[in-house]
């Protein structure tokens, strides 16, 4: 039952994110037509948000690798 509730909440919350994406798209399109640099700022923000999880996972992977390497060297 708990999984069903979690799935339902995830589906209900996704509708508000689509609305935000549409608003960002409209802002970027109207700003770009007027010669504004808002679209470049949005693209930079998207790239930042996209890259950060990979950076965190790389740091965790490197830390784990070093830990395992140190552990095997002591054996």
N, C-alpha and C. Protein backbone atom coordinates (compact mmCIF):
# COMPACT_ATOMS: atom_id res chain seq x y z
N UNK A 1 0.82 -1.19 0.00
CA UNK A 1 0.00 0.00 0.00
C UNK A 1 0.87 1.26 0.00
N UNK A 2 1.96 1.21 0.76
CA UNK A 2 2.83 2.38 0.85
C UNK A 2 3.47 2.70 -0.51
N UNK A 3 3.84 1.65 -1.25
CA UNK A 3 4.43 1.87 -2.57
C UNK A 3 3.42 2.53 -3.51
N UNK A 4 2.18 2.10 -3.41
CA UNK A 4 1.13 2.67 -4.25
C UNK A 4 0.94 4.15 -3.95
N UNK A 5 0.97 4.51 -2.68
CA UNK A 5 0.83 5.91 -2.28
C UNK A 5 2.02 6.73 -2.80
N UNK A 6 3.22 6.17 -2.71
CA UNK A 6 4.41 6.88 -3.18
C UNK A 6 4.35 7.10 -4.69
N UNK A 7 3.91 6.10 -5.43
CA UNK A 7 3.79 6.23 -6.89
C UNK A 7 2.74 7.28 -7.22
N UNK A 8 1.62 7.26 -6.52
CA UNK A 8 0.57 8.24 -6.77
C UNK A 8 1.06 9.66 -6.49
N UNK A 9 1.79 9.85 -5.40
CA UNK A 9 2.35 11.17 -5.09
C UNK A 9 3.35 11.62 -6.15
N UNK A 10 4.18 10.71 -6.60
CA UNK A 10 5.16 11.06 -7.63
C UNK A 10 4.46 11.48 -8.92
N UNK A 11 3.40 10.79 -9.28
CA UNK A 11 2.67 11.15 -10.49
C UNK A 11 1.95 12.48 -10.35
N UNK A 12 1.38 12.73 -9.18
CA UNK A 12 0.68 13.99 -8.96
C UNK A 12 1.64 15.17 -8.94
N UNK A 13 2.82 14.98 -8.40
CA UNK A 13 3.79 16.07 -8.33
C UNK A 13 4.43 16.36 -9.68
N UNK A 14 4.41 15.42 -10.58
CA UNK A 14 5.05 15.64 -11.88
C UNK A 14 4.28 16.64 -12.73
N UNK A 15 3.00 16.80 -12.49
CA UNK A 15 2.22 17.75 -13.28
C UNK A 15 2.68 19.19 -13.04
N UNK A 16 3.04 19.52 -11.82
CA UNK A 16 3.49 20.89 -11.55
C UNK A 16 4.84 21.15 -12.19
N UNK A 17 5.67 20.13 -12.34
CA UNK A 17 6.97 20.34 -12.98
C UNK A 17 6.80 20.60 -14.47
N UNK A 18 5.85 19.97 -15.10
CA UNK A 18 5.62 20.26 -16.51
C UNK A 18 5.17 21.69 -16.69
N UNK A 19 4.38 22.21 -15.77
CA UNK A 19 3.94 23.59 -15.85
C UNK A 19 5.13 24.53 -15.74
N UNK A 20 6.06 24.24 -14.87
CA UNK A 20 7.24 25.08 -14.73
C UNK A 20 8.09 25.04 -15.99
N UNK A 21 8.23 23.88 -16.58
CA UNK A 21 9.02 23.78 -17.82
C UNK A 21 8.39 24.62 -18.93
N UNK A 22 7.08 24.61 -19.03
CA UNK A 22 6.41 25.40 -20.05
C UNK A 22 6.62 26.89 -19.80
N UNK A 23 6.60 27.28 -18.53
CA UNK A 23 6.81 28.69 -18.21
C UNK A 23 8.24 29.11 -18.53
N UNK A 24 9.20 28.26 -18.22
CA UNK A 24 10.59 28.58 -18.53
C UNK A 24 10.80 28.68 -20.03
N UNK A 25 10.18 27.78 -20.76
CA UNK A 25 10.31 27.79 -22.22
C UNK A 25 9.73 29.07 -22.80
N UNK A 26 8.58 29.48 -22.30
CA UNK A 26 7.96 30.70 -22.81
C UNK A 26 8.81 31.92 -22.47
N UNK A 27 9.38 31.95 -21.28
CA UNK A 27 10.25 33.07 -20.89
C UNK A 27 11.49 33.11 -21.76
N UNK A 28 12.09 31.96 -21.99
CA UNK A 28 13.30 31.91 -22.81
C UNK A 28 13.02 32.33 -24.24
N UNK A 29 11.90 31.88 -24.79
CA UNK A 29 11.57 32.24 -26.17
C UNK A 29 11.29 33.72 -26.32
N UNK A 30 10.52 34.28 -25.39
CA UNK A 30 10.21 35.71 -25.50
C UNK A 30 11.44 36.57 -25.23
N UNK A 31 12.29 36.14 -24.32
CA UNK A 31 13.51 36.88 -24.03
C UNK A 31 14.50 36.82 -25.17
N UNK A 32 14.59 35.68 -25.82
CA UNK A 32 15.52 35.51 -26.93
C UNK A 32 15.08 36.38 -28.12
N UNK A 33 13.79 36.47 -28.33
CA UNK A 33 13.29 37.29 -29.43
C UNK A 33 13.57 38.77 -29.18
N UNK A 34 13.60 39.16 -27.91
CA UNK A 34 13.85 40.57 -27.56
C UNK A 34 15.34 40.87 -27.43
N UNK A 35 16.19 39.87 -27.57
CA UNK A 35 17.63 40.07 -27.48
C UNK A 35 18.18 39.92 -26.07
N UNK A 36 17.41 39.33 -25.18
CA UNK A 36 17.85 39.14 -23.80
C UNK A 36 18.75 37.91 -23.69
N UNK A 37 19.53 37.85 -22.62
CA UNK A 37 20.43 36.70 -22.41
C UNK A 37 19.87 35.72 -21.37
N UNK A 38 18.58 35.79 -21.11
CA UNK A 38 17.98 34.88 -20.14
C UNK A 38 18.10 33.42 -20.58
N UNK A 39 18.00 33.18 -21.87
CA UNK A 39 18.09 31.81 -22.37
C UNK A 39 19.46 31.22 -22.09
N UNK A 40 20.51 32.01 -22.23
CA UNK A 40 21.86 31.53 -21.93
C UNK A 40 21.98 31.22 -20.44
N UNK A 41 21.37 32.03 -19.61
CA UNK A 41 21.38 31.77 -18.17
C UNK A 41 20.64 30.49 -17.82
N UNK A 42 19.50 30.27 -18.46
CA UNK A 42 18.75 29.03 -18.23
C UNK A 42 19.56 27.82 -18.67
N UNK A 43 20.23 27.92 -19.82
CA UNK A 43 21.05 26.81 -20.29
C UNK A 43 22.19 26.51 -19.33
N UNK A 44 22.82 27.55 -18.81
CA UNK A 44 23.90 27.35 -17.84
C UNK A 44 23.38 26.67 -16.58
N UNK A 45 22.22 27.10 -16.12
CA UNK A 45 21.62 26.49 -14.94
C UNK A 45 21.28 25.03 -15.16
N UNK A 46 20.77 24.71 -16.33
CA UNK A 46 20.43 23.33 -16.66
C UNK A 46 21.68 22.46 -16.69
N UNK A 47 22.74 22.98 -17.30
CA UNK A 47 24.00 22.22 -17.35
C UNK A 47 24.57 22.00 -15.95
N UNK A 48 24.48 23.01 -15.10
CA UNK A 48 24.95 22.89 -13.72
C UNK A 48 24.17 21.80 -12.99
N UNK A 49 22.85 21.86 -13.09
CA UNK A 49 22.02 20.87 -12.40
C UNK A 49 22.23 19.47 -12.96
N UNK A 50 22.53 19.37 -14.25
CA UNK A 50 22.75 18.07 -14.87
C UNK A 50 24.10 17.48 -14.47
N UNK A 51 25.13 18.32 -14.34
CA UNK A 51 26.48 17.84 -14.08
C UNK A 51 26.72 17.51 -12.61
N UNK A 52 26.07 18.18 -11.70
CA UNK A 52 26.38 18.03 -10.28
C UNK A 52 26.20 16.61 -9.76
N UNK A 53 25.13 15.87 -10.10
CA UNK A 53 25.03 14.48 -9.62
C UNK A 53 26.18 13.59 -10.10
N UNK A 54 26.64 13.82 -11.33
CA UNK A 54 27.77 13.04 -11.84
C UNK A 54 29.05 13.36 -11.09
N UNK A 55 29.24 14.62 -10.73
CA UNK A 55 30.42 15.01 -9.95
C UNK A 55 30.39 14.35 -8.58
N UNK A 56 29.23 14.33 -7.95
CA UNK A 56 29.09 13.69 -6.64
C UNK A 56 29.37 12.20 -6.75
N UNK A 57 28.81 11.55 -7.76
CA UNK A 57 29.03 10.11 -7.92
C UNK A 57 30.50 9.81 -8.21
N UNK A 58 31.17 10.66 -8.97
CA UNK A 58 32.59 10.47 -9.24
C UNK A 58 33.39 10.59 -7.95
N UNK A 59 33.06 11.56 -7.11
CA UNK A 59 33.76 11.73 -5.84
C UNK A 59 33.55 10.52 -4.93
N UNK A 60 32.33 10.02 -4.88
CA UNK A 60 32.04 8.83 -4.07
C UNK A 60 32.79 7.62 -4.63
N UNK A 61 32.81 7.47 -5.94
CA UNK A 61 33.52 6.36 -6.57
C UNK A 61 35.02 6.41 -6.31
N UNK A 62 35.61 7.59 -6.40
CA UNK A 62 37.04 7.74 -6.13
C UNK A 62 37.35 7.42 -4.67
N UNK A 63 36.50 7.93 -3.76
CA UNK A 63 36.71 7.64 -2.33
C UNK A 63 36.59 6.15 -2.06
N UNK A 64 35.61 5.49 -2.68
CA UNK A 64 35.43 4.05 -2.48
C UNK A 64 36.62 3.28 -3.05
N UNK A 65 37.09 3.68 -4.23
CA UNK A 65 38.24 3.02 -4.86
C UNK A 65 39.48 3.14 -3.98
N UNK A 66 39.73 4.33 -3.47
CA UNK A 66 40.89 4.53 -2.61
C UNK A 66 40.77 3.72 -1.32
N UNK A 67 39.55 3.64 -0.79
CA UNK A 67 39.33 2.86 0.42
C UNK A 67 39.61 1.38 0.17
N UNK A 68 39.12 0.87 -0.95
CA UNK A 68 39.34 -0.54 -1.28
C UNK A 68 40.81 -0.81 -1.57
N UNK A 69 41.47 0.12 -2.22
CA UNK A 69 42.89 -0.04 -2.53
C UNK A 69 43.72 -0.06 -1.25
N UNK A 70 43.38 0.83 -0.31
CA UNK A 70 44.09 0.87 0.96
C UNK A 70 43.82 -0.40 1.77
N UNK A 71 42.58 -0.88 1.71
CA UNK A 71 42.21 -2.08 2.44
C UNK A 71 42.94 -3.30 1.89
N UNK A 72 43.08 -3.41 0.57
CA UNK A 72 43.77 -4.55 -0.02
C UNK A 72 45.28 -4.47 0.18
N UNK A 73 45.83 -3.28 0.33
CA UNK A 73 47.27 -3.12 0.56
C UNK A 73 47.65 -3.57 1.97
N UNK A 74 46.73 -3.44 2.93
CA UNK A 74 47.02 -3.85 4.30
C UNK A 74 46.89 -5.36 4.48
N UNK A 75 46.21 -6.03 3.57
CA UNK A 75 46.06 -7.49 3.68
C UNK A 75 47.28 -8.12 3.16
